[in-house]
């Protein structure tokens, strides 16, 4: 190979290497530029997201301020509007504002559910704004709760809590007289020493609820689930427990028995009222080969046992039947019969 061709080959290879290097440098620069651009875009996106969150928080703060102002109004309709405004805040920001909203509403219920100043009684009870707050609390998304609903000592008499979600609620010493809790979820709720006289609790879920010392006189607990509930010292006078779910290992209240035909797989039974057939034992049957009783021996046995009533087969001389007139007797010595028979010993 002459020197001219070799030089040409060398020149071509150098040019090719130069082009390849240029391409590699260009690709690397493009990648770096793309990464830089992506980082810039991500940073801009994060800044925009933070700005949006800041704007939302400012809006929430403004909404909070207006809702609380409405909640403290003297106008009933304005207060109800404030309650719904707080519910909207809890729904729009469940992670950050749901617990705070529920704290505000339960405090409002506790404060406004008690007797009004001066001892006056309203025509409607509970008050419409208190009922509205109870409705909002009862339909909340309990998964976002971080503490129990604090309704202790609140007066919720005659309130409509039908189907309400009161899971884990603190209802200690609350007044729930004539309250409708049908289908309500009171799982693990603390209802100790609460007044539930004449309350409607049919089909309510009271699993693992604390009902220690609760007053349930004349309450309707038909088909309620009382599995694991603590009913020690509870007052159950005239309480209707028909069909209520009851754990077999717990003592069954007086006048009620377990309906064995309705036992479930986990040992929970349904209760039914004890009737006459459950309290009266059948008389013992006489063996077929037993001889008939002797009337004379029966009378002797009864007299030995202290039963000295006269037998119609052995009437004293001169005595008459109660249904026949007395027979006159001739004067003469007569036998005196003691009015009080002596007791054999």
C-alpha atoms as a PDB file:
ATOM      1  CA  UNK A   1       0.000   0.000   0.000  1.00  0.00           C
ATOM      2  CA  UNK A   2       1.487   3.334  -1.000  1.00  0.00           C
ATOM      3  CA  UNK A   3       1.757   6.242   1.321  1.00  0.00           C
ATOM      4  CA  UNK A   4      -1.084   8.168  -0.337  1.00  0.00           C
ATOM      5  CA  UNK A   5      -3.674   5.430   0.324  1.00  0.00           C
ATOM      6  CA  UNK A   6      -2.471   4.953   3.897  1.00  0.00           C
ATOM      7  CA  UNK A   7      -2.758   8.630   4.551  1.00  0.00           C
ATOM      8  CA  UNK A   8      -6.275   8.584   3.109  1.00  0.00           C
ATOM      9  CA  UNK A   9      -7.271   5.728   5.385  1.00  0.00           C
ATOM     10  CA  UNK A  10      -5.802   7.425   8.386  1.00  0.00           C
ATOM     11  CA  UNK A  11      -7.553  10.682   7.517  1.00  0.00           C
ATOM     12  CA  UNK A  12     -10.888   8.906   7.040  1.00  0.00           C
ATOM     13  CA  UNK A  13     -10.583   7.060  10.376  1.00  0.00           C
ATOM     14  CA  UNK A  14      -9.717  10.248  12.207  1.00  0.00           C
ATOM     15  CA  UNK A  15     -12.688  11.985  10.638  1.00  0.00           C
ATOM     16  CA  UNK A  16     -14.967   9.081  11.637  1.00  0.00           C
ATOM     17  CA  UNK A  17     -13.690   9.154  15.195  1.00  0.00           C
ATOM     18  CA  UNK A  18     -14.221  12.873  15.300  1.00  0.00           C
ATOM     19  CA  UNK A  19     -17.804  12.535  14.074  1.00  0.00           C
ATOM     20  CA  UNK A  20     -18.528   9.758  16.631  1.00  0.00           C
ATOM     21  CA  UNK A  21     -17.116  11.826  19.436  1.00  0.00           C
ATOM     22  CA  UNK A  22     -19.171  14.786  18.370  1.00  0.00           C
ATOM     23  CA  UNK A  23     -22.324  12.644  18.342  1.00  0.00           C
ATOM     24  CA  UNK A  24     -21.589  11.239  21.806  1.00  0.00           C
ATOM     25  CA  UNK A  25     -20.952  14.705  23.175  1.00  0.00           C
ATOM     26  CA  UNK A  26     -24.172  15.981  21.595  1.00  0.00           C
ATOM     27  CA  UNK A  27     -26.260  13.083  23.002  1.00  0.00           C
ATOM     28  CA  UNK A  28     -24.774  13.538  26.461  1.00  0.00           C
ATOM     29  CA  UNK A  29     -25.436  17.244  26.353  1.00  0.00           C
ATOM     30  CA  UNK A  30     -29.010  16.600  25.248  1.00  0.00           C
ATOM     31  CA  UNK A  31     -29.570  14.182  28.128  1.00  0.00           C
ATOM     32  CA  UNK A  32     -28.158  16.610  30.622  1.00  0.00           C
ATOM     33  CA  UNK A  33     -30.295  19.359  29.176  1.00  0.00           C
ATOM     34  CA  UNK A  34     -33.390  17.139  29.423  1.00  0.00           C
ATOM     35  CA  UNK A  35     -32.634  16.301  33.065  1.00  0.00           C
ATOM     36  CA  UNK A  36     -32.114  19.942  33.819  1.00  0.00           C
ATOM     37  CA  UNK A  37     -35.338  20.865  32.085  1.00  0.00           C
ATOM     38  CA  UNK A  38     -37.226  18.065  33.942  1.00  0.00           C
ATOM     39  CA  UNK A  39     -35.833  19.216  37.252  1.00  0.00           C
ATOM     40  CA  UNK A  40     -36.876  22.747  36.400  1.00  0.00           C
ATOM     41  CA  UNK A  41     -40.341  21.539  35.452  1.00  0.00           C
ATOM     42  CA  UNK A  42     -40.659  19.463  38.651  1.00  0.00           C
ATOM     43  CA  UNK A  43     -39.530  22.380  40.736  1.00  0.00           C
ATOM     44  CA  UNK A  44     -42.018  24.639  39.010  1.00  0.00           C
ATOM     45  CA  UNK A  45     -44.762  22.041  39.518  1.00  0.00           C
ATOM     46  CA  UNK A  46     -43.931  21.738  43.209  1.00  0.00           C
ATOM     47  CA  UNK A  47     -43.956  25.493  43.564  1.00  0.00           C
ATOM     48  CA  UNK A  48     -47.302  25.656  41.821  1.00  0.00           C
ATOM     49  CA  UNK A  49     -48.664  22.853  44.044  1.00  0.00           C
ATOM     50  CA  UNK A  50     -47.482  24.657  47.154  1.00  0.00           C
ATOM     51  CA  UNK A  51     -49.083  27.834  45.899  1.00  0.00           C
ATOM     52  CA  UNK A  52     -52.358  25.977  45.306  1.00  0.00           C
ATOM     53  CA  UNK A  53     -52.219  24.396  48.773  1.00  0.00           C
ATOM     54  CA  UNK A  54     -51.484  27.785  50.314  1.00  0.00           C
ATOM     55  CA  UNK A  55     -54.399  29.282  48.428  1.00  0.00           C
ATOM     56  CA  UNK A  56     -56.666  26.420  49.557  1.00  0.00           C
ATOM     57  CA  UNK A  57     -55.570  26.802  53.152  1.00  0.00           C
ATOM     58  CA  UNK A  58     -56.296  30.502  52.927  1.00  0.00           C
ATOM     59  CA  UNK A  59     -59.726  29.648  51.527  1.00  0.00           C
ATOM     60  CA  UNK A  60     -60.303  27.110  54.304  1.00  0.00           C
ATOM     61  CA  UNK A  61     -59.298  29.679  56.890  1.00  0.00           C
ATOM     62  CA  UNK A  62     -61.757  32.127  55.391  1.00  0.00           C
ATOM     63  CA  UNK A  63     -64.457  29.440  55.241  1.00  0.00           C
ATOM     64  CA  UNK A  64     -63.779  28.491  58.856  1.00  0.00           C
ATOM     65  CA  UNK A  65     -64.075  32.086  59.943  1.00  0.00           C
ATOM     66  CA  UNK A  66     -67.392  32.604  58.165  1.00  0.00           C
ATOM     67  CA  UNK A  67     -68.812  29.241  59.346  1.00  0.00           C
ATOM     68  CA  UNK A  68     -67.940  29.930  62.963  1.00  0.00           C
ATOM     69  CA  UNK A  69     -69.433  33.387  62.686  1.00  0.00           C
ATOM     70  CA  UNK A  70     -72.634  31.845  61.377  1.00  0.00           C
ATOM     71  CA  UNK A  71     -72.598  29.212  64.117  1.00  0.00           C
ATOM     72  CA  UNK A  72     -72.621  31.933  66.762  1.00  0.00           C
ATOM     73  CA  UNK A  73     -75.453  33.905  65.201  1.00  0.00           C
ATOM     74  CA  UNK A  74     -78.711  34.621  67.001  1.00  0.00           C
ATOM     75  CA  UNK A  75     -80.642  33.620  63.892  1.00  0.00           C
ATOM     76  CA  UNK A  76     -81.584  29.928  63.729  1.00  0.00           C
ATOM     77  CA  UNK A  77     -81.351  29.669  59.953  1.00  0.00           C
ATOM     78  CA  UNK A  78     -77.905  31.266  59.940  1.00  0.00           C
ATOM     79  CA  UNK A  79     -76.685  28.786  62.550  1.00  0.00           C
ATOM     80  CA  UNK A  80     -77.961  25.855  60.488  1.00  0.00           C
ATOM     81  CA  UNK A  81     -76.157  27.298  57.442  1.00  0.00           C
ATOM     82  CA  UNK A  82     -72.943  27.448  59.467  1.00  0.00           C
ATOM     83  CA  UNK A  83     -73.311  23.770  60.416  1.00  0.00           C
ATOM     84  CA  UNK A  84     -73.623  22.745  56.781  1.00  0.00           C
ATOM     85  CA  UNK A  85     -70.674  24.974  55.885  1.00  0.00           C
ATOM     86  CA  UNK A  86     -68.530  23.126  58.432  1.00  0.00           C
ATOM     87  CA  UNK A  87     -69.654  19.808  56.989  1.00  0.00           C
ATOM     88  CA  UNK A  88     -68.504  20.978  53.550  1.00  0.00           C
ATOM     89  CA  UNK A  89     -65.078  21.827  54.941  1.00  0.00           C
ATOM     90  CA  UNK A  90     -64.778  18.356  56.488  1.00  0.00           C
ATOM     91  CA  UNK A  91     -65.736  16.687  53.209  1.00  0.00           C
ATOM     92  CA  UNK A  92     -63.338  18.816  51.118  1.00  0.00           C
ATOM     93  CA  UNK A  93     -60.386  18.243  53.433  1.00  0.00           C
ATOM     94  CA  UNK A  94     -60.963  15.015  55.380  1.00  0.00           C
ATOM     95  CA  UNK A  95     -57.356  14.471  56.410  1.00  0.00           C
ATOM     96  CA  UNK A  96     -56.669  17.946  57.748  1.00  0.00           C
ATOM     97  CA  UNK A  97     -59.999  19.422  58.815  1.00  0.00           C
ATOM     98  CA  UNK A  98     -62.428  16.552  59.510  1.00  0.00           C
ATOM     99  CA  UNK A  99     -61.325  16.049  63.151  1.00  0.00           C
ATOM    100  CA  UNK A 100     -61.497  19.773  63.908  1.00  0.00           C
ATOM    101  CA  UNK A 101     -64.954  20.138  62.397  1.00  0.00           C
ATOM    102  CA  UNK A 102     -66.285  17.211  64.431  1.00  0.00           C
ATOM    103  CA  UNK A 103     -64.821  18.700  67.594  1.00  0.00           C
ATOM    104  CA  UNK A 104     -66.617  21.983  66.889  1.00  0.00           C
ATOM    105  CA  UNK A 105     -69.942  20.292  66.154  1.00  0.00           C
ATOM    106  CA  UNK A 106     -69.899  18.003  69.183  1.00  0.00           C
ATOM    107  CA  UNK A 107     -69.031  20.967  71.424  1.00  0.00           C
ATOM    108  CA  UNK A 108     -71.965  22.848  69.890  1.00  0.00           C
ATOM    109  CA  UNK A 109     -74.282  19.891  70.604  1.00  0.00           C
ATOM    110  CA  UNK A 110     -73.147  19.570  74.213  1.00  0.00           C
ATOM    111  CA  UNK A 111     -73.563  23.265  74.886  1.00  0.00           C
ATOM    112  CA  UNK A 112     -76.885  23.862  73.119  1.00  0.00           C
ATOM    113  CA  UNK A 113     -78.611  20.597  74.006  1.00  0.00           C
ATOM    114  CA  UNK A 114     -78.992  21.420  77.688  1.00  0.00           C
ATOM    115  CA  UNK A 115     -81.725  23.387  79.443  1.00  0.00           C
ATOM    116  CA  UNK A 116     -81.939  26.941  78.232  1.00  0.00           C
ATOM    117  CA  UNK A 117     -81.072  29.879  80.459  1.00  0.00           C
ATOM    118  CA  UNK A 118     -83.788  30.876  82.904  1.00  0.00           C
ATOM    119  CA  UNK A 119     -85.260  27.375  82.983  1.00  0.00           C
ATOM    120  CA  UNK A 120     -87.408  27.973  79.905  1.00  0.00           C
ATOM    121  CA  UNK A 121     -88.273  24.993  77.727  1.00  0.00           C
ATOM    122  CA  UNK A 122     -88.481  25.209  73.937  1.00  0.00           C
ATOM    123  CA  UNK A 123     -91.530  23.993  72.042  1.00  0.00           C
ATOM    124  CA  UNK A 124     -89.371  21.609  70.025  1.00  0.00           C
ATOM    125  CA  UNK A 125     -86.722  19.337  71.455  1.00  0.00           C
ATOM    126  CA  UNK A 126     -84.058  18.939  70.414  1.00  0.00           C
ATOM    127  CA  UNK A 127     -83.632  22.371  68.942  1.00  0.00           C
ATOM    128  CA  UNK A 128     -83.507  22.357  65.119  1.00  0.00           C
ATOM    129  CA  UNK A 129     -79.875  23.460  64.985  1.00  0.00           C
ATOM    130  CA  UNK A 130     -78.870  20.752  67.488  1.00  0.00           C
ATOM    131  CA  UNK A 131     -80.733  18.155  65.427  1.00  0.00           C
ATOM    132  CA  UNK A 132     -78.938  19.378  62.293  1.00  0.00           C
ATOM    133  CA  UNK A 133     -75.555  19.053  63.996  1.00  0.00           C
ATOM    134  CA  UNK A 134     -76.494  15.536  65.174  1.00  0.00           C
ATOM    135  CA  UNK A 135     -77.460  14.582  61.637  1.00  0.00           C
ATOM    136  CA  UNK A 136     -74.102  15.817  60.290  1.00  0.00           C
ATOM    137  CA  UNK A 137     -72.168  13.961  62.999  1.00  0.00           C
ATOM    138  CA  UNK A 138     -74.239  10.829  62.454  1.00  0.00           C
ATOM    139  CA  UNK A 139     -73.456  10.652  58.731  1.00  0.00           C
ATOM    140  CA  UNK A 140     -69.784  11.603  58.907  1.00  0.00           C
ATOM    141  CA  UNK A 141     -67.062   9.332  57.488  1.00  0.00           C
ATOM    142  CA  UNK A 142     -65.879   7.745  60.712  1.00  0.00           C
ATOM    143  CA  UNK A 143     -62.715   6.432  59.057  1.00  0.00           C
ATOM    144  CA  UNK A 144     -61.249   9.928  59.426  1.00  0.00           C
ATOM    145  CA  UNK A 145     -61.946  10.150  63.159  1.00  0.00           C
ATOM    146  CA  UNK A 146     -58.912  10.458  65.405  1.00  0.00           C
ATOM    147  CA  UNK A 147     -60.863  10.572  68.698  1.00  0.00           C
ATOM    148  CA  UNK A 148     -64.334   9.490  69.872  1.00  0.00           C
ATOM    149  CA  UNK A 149     -67.299  11.777  69.335  1.00  0.00           C
ATOM    150  CA  UNK A 150     -67.593  13.603  72.676  1.00  0.00           C
ATOM    151  CA  UNK A 151     -71.299  13.724  73.538  1.00  0.00           C
ATOM    152  CA  UNK A 152     -71.082  12.973  77.265  1.00  0.00           C
ATOM    153  CA  UNK A 153     -73.806  14.523  79.449  1.00  0.00           C
ATOM    154  CA  UNK A 154     -75.565  15.915  76.359  1.00  0.00           C
ATOM    155  CA  UNK A 155     -79.376  15.998  76.389  1.00  0.00           C
ATOM    156  CA  UNK A 156     -80.421  14.233  73.198  1.00  0.00           C
ATOM    157  CA  UNK A 157     -83.984  13.434  74.271  1.00  0.00           C
ATOM    158  CA  UNK A 158     -86.375  12.734  71.376  1.00  0.00           C
ATOM    159  CA  UNK A 159     -83.575  13.244  68.839  1.00  0.00           C
ATOM    160  CA  UNK A 160     -83.697  11.499  65.483  1.00  0.00           C
ATOM    161  CA  UNK A 161     -80.532   9.395  65.237  1.00  0.00           C
ATOM    162  CA  UNK A 162     -82.031   6.681  63.088  1.00  0.00           C
ATOM    163  CA  UNK A 163     -79.207   4.890  61.259  1.00  0.00           C
ATOM    164  CA  UNK A 164     -76.596   7.235  62.741  1.00  0.00           C
ATOM    165  CA  UNK A 165     -72.953   6.172  62.817  1.00  0.00           C
ATOM    166  CA  UNK A 166     -71.927   6.615  66.457  1.00  0.00           C
ATOM    167  CA  UNK A 167     -69.070   4.130  66.436  1.00  0.00           C
ATOM    168  CA  UNK A 168     -66.947   4.614  69.544  1.00  0.00           C
ATOM    169  CA  UNK A 169     -68.923   7.679  70.627  1.00  0.00           C
ATOM    170  CA  UNK A 170     -68.604   8.937  74.192  1.00  0.00           C
ATOM    171  CA  UNK A 171     -72.196   9.074  75.477  1.00  0.00           C
ATOM    172  CA  UNK A 172     -71.509   8.712  79.180  1.00  0.00           C
ATOM    173  CA  UNK A 173     -74.420   9.957  81.315  1.00  0.00           C
ATOM    174  CA  UNK A 174     -76.099  11.368  78.225  1.00  0.00           C
ATOM    175  CA  UNK A 175     -79.888  11.713  78.201  1.00  0.00           C
ATOM    176  CA  UNK A 176     -81.415   9.744  75.339  1.00  0.00           C
ATOM    177  CA  UNK A 177     -84.990   9.503  76.555  1.00  0.00           C
ATOM    178  CA  UNK A 178     -87.367   8.680  73.661  1.00  0.00           C
ATOM    179  CA  UNK A 179     -84.446   8.990  71.216  1.00  0.00           C
ATOM    180  CA  UNK A 180     -84.798   7.116  67.928  1.00  0.00           C
ATOM    181  CA  UNK A 181     -81.642   5.007  67.498  1.00  0.00           C
ATOM    182  CA  UNK A 182     -83.177   2.411  65.201  1.00  0.00           C
ATOM    183  CA  UNK A 183     -80.486   0.807  62.998  1.00  0.00           C
ATOM    184  CA  UNK A 184     -77.858   3.045  64.659  1.00  0.00           C
ATOM    185  CA  UNK A 185     -74.242   1.835  64.832  1.00  0.00           C
ATOM    186  CA  UNK A 186     -73.054   2.071  68.442  1.00  0.00           C
ATOM    187  CA  UNK A 187     -70.186  -0.386  68.139  1.00  0.00           C
ATOM    188  CA  UNK A 188     -67.746   0.075  71.052  1.00  0.00           C
ATOM    189  CA  UNK A 189     -69.617   3.203  72.152  1.00  0.00           C
ATOM    190  CA  UNK A 190     -69.426   4.219  75.801  1.00  0.00           C
ATOM    191  CA  UNK A 191     -73.040   4.552  76.954  1.00  0.00           C
ATOM    192  CA  UNK A 192     -72.394   3.886  80.643  1.00  0.00           C
ATOM    193  CA  UNK A 193     -74.917   5.442  83.075  1.00  0.00           C
ATOM    194  CA  UNK A 194     -76.765   6.985  80.134  1.00  0.00           C
ATOM    195  CA  UNK A 195     -80.528   7.471  80.332  1.00  0.00           C
ATOM    196  CA  UNK A 196     -82.121   5.468  77.515  1.00  0.00           C
ATOM    197  CA  UNK A 197     -85.596   5.012  79.000  1.00  0.00           C
ATOM    198  CA  UNK A 198     -88.232   4.483  76.266  1.00  0.00           C
ATOM    199  CA  UNK A 199     -85.535   4.805  73.580  1.00  0.00           C
ATOM    200  CA  UNK A 200     -85.930   3.067  70.230  1.00  0.00           C
ATOM    201  CA  UNK A 201     -82.939   0.742  69.724  1.00  0.00           C
ATOM    202  CA  UNK A 202     -84.409  -1.949  67.531  1.00  0.00           C
ATOM    203  CA  UNK A 203     -81.852  -3.408  65.091  1.00  0.00           C
ATOM    204  CA  UNK A 204     -79.144  -1.216  66.637  1.00  0.00           C
ATOM    205  CA  UNK A 205     -75.571  -2.513  66.610  1.00  0.00           C
ATOM    206  CA  UNK A 206     -74.274  -2.427  70.188  1.00  0.00           C
ATOM    207  CA  UNK A 207     -71.404  -4.853  69.694  1.00  0.00           C
ATOM    208  CA  UNK A 208     -68.820  -4.432  72.489  1.00  0.00           C
ATOM    209  CA  UNK A 209     -70.625  -1.322  73.713  1.00  0.00           C
ATOM    210  CA  UNK A 210     -70.226  -0.235  77.331  1.00  0.00           C
ATOM    211  CA  UNK A 211     -73.739  -0.141  78.835  1.00  0.00           C
ATOM    212  CA  UNK A 212     -72.639  -0.422  82.461  1.00  0.00           C
ATOM    213  CA  UNK A 213     -75.290   1.097  84.711  1.00  0.00           C
ATOM    214  CA  UNK A 214     -77.327   2.363  81.756  1.00  0.00           C
ATOM    215  CA  UNK A 215     -81.035   3.022  82.260  1.00  0.00           C
ATOM    216  CA  UNK A 216     -82.887   1.015  79.612  1.00  0.00           C
ATOM    217  CA  UNK A 217     -86.306   0.841  81.257  1.00  0.00           C
ATOM    218  CA  UNK A 218     -89.075   0.290  78.689  1.00  0.00           C
ATOM    219  CA  UNK A 219     -86.528   0.638  75.876  1.00  0.00           C
ATOM    220  CA  UNK A 220     -87.098  -1.173  72.585  1.00  0.00           C
ATOM    221  CA  UNK A 221     -84.116  -3.473  71.915  1.00  0.00           C
ATOM    222  CA  UNK A 222     -85.835  -5.872  69.576  1.00  0.00           C
ATOM    223  CA  UNK A 223     -83.341  -7.597  67.263  1.00  0.00           C
ATOM    224  CA  UNK A 224     -80.508  -5.438  68.595  1.00  0.00           C
ATOM    225  CA  UNK A 225     -76.983  -6.859  68.491  1.00  0.00           C
ATOM    226  CA  UNK A 226     -75.664  -6.990  72.074  1.00  0.00           C
ATOM    227  CA  UNK A 227     -72.742  -9.321  71.363  1.00  0.00           C
ATOM    228  CA  UNK A 228     -69.955  -8.538  73.816  1.00  0.00           C
ATOM    229  CA  UNK A 229     -71.832  -5.591  75.354  1.00  0.00           C
ATOM    230  CA  UNK A 230     -71.195  -4.825  79.022  1.00  0.00           C
ATOM    231  CA  UNK A 231     -74.634  -4.765  80.666  1.00  0.00           C
ATOM    232  CA  UNK A 232     -73.546  -4.999  84.286  1.00  0.00           C
ATOM    233  CA  UNK A 233     -75.780  -3.011  86.632  1.00  0.00           C
ATOM    234  CA  UNK A 234     -77.940  -2.011  83.648  1.00  0.00           C
ATOM    235  CA  UNK A 235     -81.607  -1.348  84.372  1.00  0.00           C
ATOM    236  CA  UNK A 236     -83.742  -3.528  82.096  1.00  0.00           C
ATOM    237  CA  UNK A 237     -87.182  -3.138  83.653  1.00  0.00           C
ATOM    238  CA  UNK A 238     -89.853  -3.727  80.976  1.00  0.00           C
ATOM    239  CA  UNK A 239     -87.152  -3.665  78.286  1.00  0.00           C
ATOM    240  CA  UNK A 240     -88.182  -5.464  75.101  1.00  0.00           C
ATOM    241  CA  UNK A 241     -85.357  -7.862  74.171  1.00  0.00           C
ATOM    242  CA  UNK A 242     -87.307  -9.949  71.691  1.00  0.00           C
ATOM    243  CA  UNK A 243     -84.919 -11.390  69.109  1.00  0.00           C
ATOM    244  CA  UNK A 244     -81.909  -9.574  70.546  1.00  0.00           C
ATOM    245  CA  UNK A 245     -78.510 -11.168  69.877  1.00  0.00           C
ATOM    246  CA  UNK A 246     -76.991 -12.322  73.148  1.00  0.00           C
ATOM    247  CA  UNK A 247     -73.731 -14.229  73.829  1.00  0.00           C
ATOM    248  CA  UNK A 248     -74.407 -17.625  75.347  1.00  0.00           C
ATOM    249  CA  UNK A 249     -71.621 -17.226  77.928  1.00  0.00           C
ATOM    250  CA  UNK A 250     -73.324 -14.158  79.474  1.00  0.00           C
ATOM    251  CA  UNK A 251     -76.072 -14.276  82.094  1.00  0.00           C
ATOM    252  CA  UNK A 252     -79.475 -13.826  80.488  1.00  0.00           C
ATOM    253  CA  UNK A 253     -81.760 -11.215  82.108  1.00  0.00           C
ATOM    254  CA  UNK A 254     -84.712 -12.274  84.199  1.00  0.00           C
ATOM    255  CA  UNK A 255     -87.921 -13.177  82.347  1.00  0.00           C
ATOM    256  CA  UNK A 256     -85.944 -13.948  79.168  1.00  0.00           C
ATOM    257  CA  UNK A 257     -84.505 -17.205  77.826  1.00  0.00           C
ATOM    258  CA  UNK A 258     -82.342 -18.219  74.881  1.00  0.00           C
ATOM    259  CA  UNK A 259     -84.120 -19.358  71.776  1.00  0.00           C
ATOM    260  CA  UNK A 260     -82.016 -22.438  71.010  1.00  0.00           C
ATOM    261  CA  UNK A 261     -83.492 -22.734  67.557  1.00  0.00           C
ATOM    262  CA  UNK A 262     -81.941 -19.390  66.592  1.00  0.00           C
ATOM    263  CA  UNK A 263     -78.354 -19.988  67.791  1.00  0.00           C
ATOM    264  CA  UNK A 264     -75.680 -18.813  65.390  1.00  0.00           C
ATOM    265  CA  UNK A 265     -72.383 -20.445  64.540  1.00  0.00           C
ATOM    266  CA  UNK A 266     -70.362 -18.257  66.933  1.00  0.00           C
ATOM    267  CA  UNK A 267     -72.462 -19.191  69.947  1.00  0.00           C
ATOM    268  CA  UNK A 268     -74.661 -16.085  69.930  1.00  0.00           C
ATOM    269  CA  UNK A 269     -78.320 -16.738  70.687  1.00  0.00           C
ATOM    270  CA  UNK A 270     -81.527 -14.823  70.136  1.00  0.00           C
ATOM    271  CA  UNK A 271     -83.626 -14.024  73.180  1.00  0.00           C
ATOM    272  CA  UNK A 272     -87.317 -14.603  73.645  1.00  0.00           C
ATOM    273  CA  UNK A 273     -89.645 -13.839  76.501  1.00  0.00           C
ATOM    274  CA  UNK A 274     -90.104 -16.568  79.085  1.00  0.00           C
ATOM    275  CA  UNK A 275     -93.693 -17.819  78.990  1.00  0.00           C
ATOM    276  CA  UNK A 276     -95.826 -20.064  81.216  1.00  0.00           C
ATOM    277  CA  UNK A 277     -94.718 -23.236  79.426  1.00  0.00           C
ATOM    278  CA  UNK A 278     -91.084 -22.445  80.329  1.00  0.00           C
ATOM    279  CA  UNK A 279     -91.815 -21.959  84.041  1.00  0.00           C
ATOM    280  CA  UNK A 280     -94.269 -24.839  84.770  1.00  0.00           C
ATOM    281  CA  UNK A 281     -92.869 -28.348  84.888  1.00  0.00           C
ATOM    282  CA  UNK A 282     -95.209 -31.169  83.737  1.00  0.00           C
ATOM    283  CA  UNK A 283     -96.638 -33.378  86.534  1.00  0.00           C
ATOM    284  CA  UNK A 284     -94.759 -36.642  87.054  1.00  0.00           C
ATOM    285  CA  UNK A 285     -96.385 -39.569  85.273  1.00  0.00           C
ATOM    286  CA  UNK A 286     -97.635 -42.520  87.370  1.00  0.00           C
ATOM    287  CA  UNK A 287     -96.005 -45.806  86.429  1.00  0.00           C
ATOM    288  CA  UNK A 288     -98.288 -48.124  84.530  1.00  0.00           C
ATOM    289  CA  UNK A 289     -97.801 -50.919  87.064  1.00  0.00           C
ATOM    290  CA  UNK A 290     -98.505 -48.786  90.143  1.00  0.00           C
ATOM    291  CA  UNK A 291    -101.656 -49.908  92.063  1.00  0.00           C
ATOM    292  CA  UNK A 292    -104.512 -47.428  92.419  1.00  0.00           C
ATOM    293  CA  UNK A 293    -104.452 -45.358  95.583  1.00  0.00           C
ATOM    294  CA  UNK A 294    -106.630 -46.530  98.512  1.00  0.00           C
ATOM    295  CA  UNK A 295    -109.031 -43.733  99.594  1.00  0.00           C
ATOM    296  CA  UNK A 296    -108.838 -44.772 103.237  1.00  0.00           C
ATOM    297  CA  UNK A 297    -105.067 -44.799 103.274  1.00  0.00           C
ATOM    298  CA  UNK A 298    -105.073 -41.459 101.516  1.00  0.00           C
ATOM    299  CA  UNK A 299    -107.261 -39.965 104.255  1.00  0.00           C
ATOM    300  CA  UNK A 300    -105.063 -41.466 106.972  1.00  0.00           C
ATOM    301  CA  UNK A 301    -101.972 -40.140 105.278  1.00  0.00           C
ATOM    302  CA  UNK A 302    -103.447 -36.663 104.953  1.00  0.00           C
ATOM    303  CA  UNK A 303    -104.422 -36.611 108.645  1.00  0.00           C
ATOM    304  CA  UNK A 304    -100.950 -37.715 109.683  1.00  0.00           C
ATOM    305  CA  UNK A 305     -99.536 -34.890 107.633  1.00  0.00           C
ATOM    306  CA  UNK A 306    -101.719 -32.376 109.484  1.00  0.00           C
ATOM    307  CA  UNK A 307    -104.708 -32.067 107.118  1.00  0.00           C
ATOM    308  CA  UNK A 308    -107.652 -32.684 109.452  1.00  0.00           C
ATOM    309  CA  UNK A 309    -110.437 -31.394 107.237  1.00  0.00           C
ATOM    310  CA  UNK A 310    -113.479 -33.687 107.528  1.00  0.00           C
ATOM    311  CA  UNK A 311    -114.058 -36.083 104.692  1.00  0.00           C
ATOM    312  CA  UNK A 312    -117.480 -36.207 103.036  1.00  0.00           C
ATOM    313  CA  UNK A 313    -117.431 -40.013 103.552  1.00  0.00           C
ATOM    314  CA  UNK A 314    -117.063 -39.667 107.315  1.00  0.00           C
ATOM    315  CA  UNK A 315    -119.465 -36.963 108.485  1.00  0.00           C
ATOM    316  CA  UNK A 316    -119.963 -36.733 112.294  1.00  0.00           C
ATOM    317  CA  UNK A 317    -123.234 -37.936 113.760  1.00  0.00           C
ATOM    318  CA  UNK A 318    -125.841 -35.211 113.662  1.00  0.00           C
ATOM    319  CA  UNK A 319    -124.011 -33.188 111.013  1.00  0.00           C
ATOM    320  CA  UNK A 320    -125.934 -32.334 107.912  1.00  0.00           C
ATOM    321  CA  UNK A 321    -125.041 -31.677 104.352  1.00  0.00           C
ATOM    322  CA  UNK A 322    -124.441 -28.031 103.540  1.00  0.00           C
ATOM    323  CA  UNK A 323    -127.151 -28.235 100.905  1.00  0.00           C
ATOM    324  CA  UNK A 324    -129.873 -29.814 103.081  1.00  0.00           C
ATOM    325  CA  UNK A 325    -131.832 -28.200 105.948  1.00  0.00           C
ATOM    326  CA  UNK A 326    -130.915 -29.206 109.509  1.00  0.00           C
ATOM    327  CA  UNK A 327    -132.769 -32.276 110.868  1.00  0.00           C
ATOM    328  CA  UNK A 328    -134.377 -31.757 114.275  1.00  0.00           C
ATOM    329  CA  UNK A 329    -133.200 -34.178 116.977  1.00  0.00           C
ATOM    330  CA  UNK A 330    -134.850 -35.370 120.113  1.00  0.00           C
ATOM    331  CA  UNK A 331    -133.702 -33.830 123.380  1.00  0.00           C
ATOM    332  CA  UNK A 332    -131.226 -35.868 125.240  1.00  0.00           C
ATOM    333  CA  UNK A 333    -127.543 -36.384 125.638  1.00  0.00           C
ATOM    334  CA  UNK A 334    -125.603 -35.325 122.579  1.00  0.00           C
ATOM    335  CA  UNK A 335    -122.051 -35.550 121.451  1.00  0.00           C
ATOM    336  CA  UNK A 336    -120.230 -32.239 121.217  1.00  0.00           C
ATOM    337  CA  UNK A 337    -117.932 -31.938 118.209  1.00  0.00           C
ATOM    338  CA  UNK A 338    -115.004 -29.547 118.554  1.00  0.00           C
ATOM    339  CA  UNK A 339    -114.982 -26.788 115.947  1.00  0.00           C
ATOM    340  CA  UNK A 340    -111.213 -26.834 115.783  1.00  0.00           C
ATOM    341  CA  UNK A 341    -109.770 -30.266 115.026  1.00  0.00           C
ATOM    342  CA  UNK A 342    -106.623 -31.133 116.870  1.00  0.00           C
ATOM    343  CA  UNK A 343    -103.351 -31.565 114.967  1.00  0.00           C
ATOM    344  CA  UNK A 344    -101.802 -35.005 115.024  1.00  0.00           C
ATOM    345  CA  UNK A 345     -98.247 -35.179 115.999  1.00  0.00           C
END
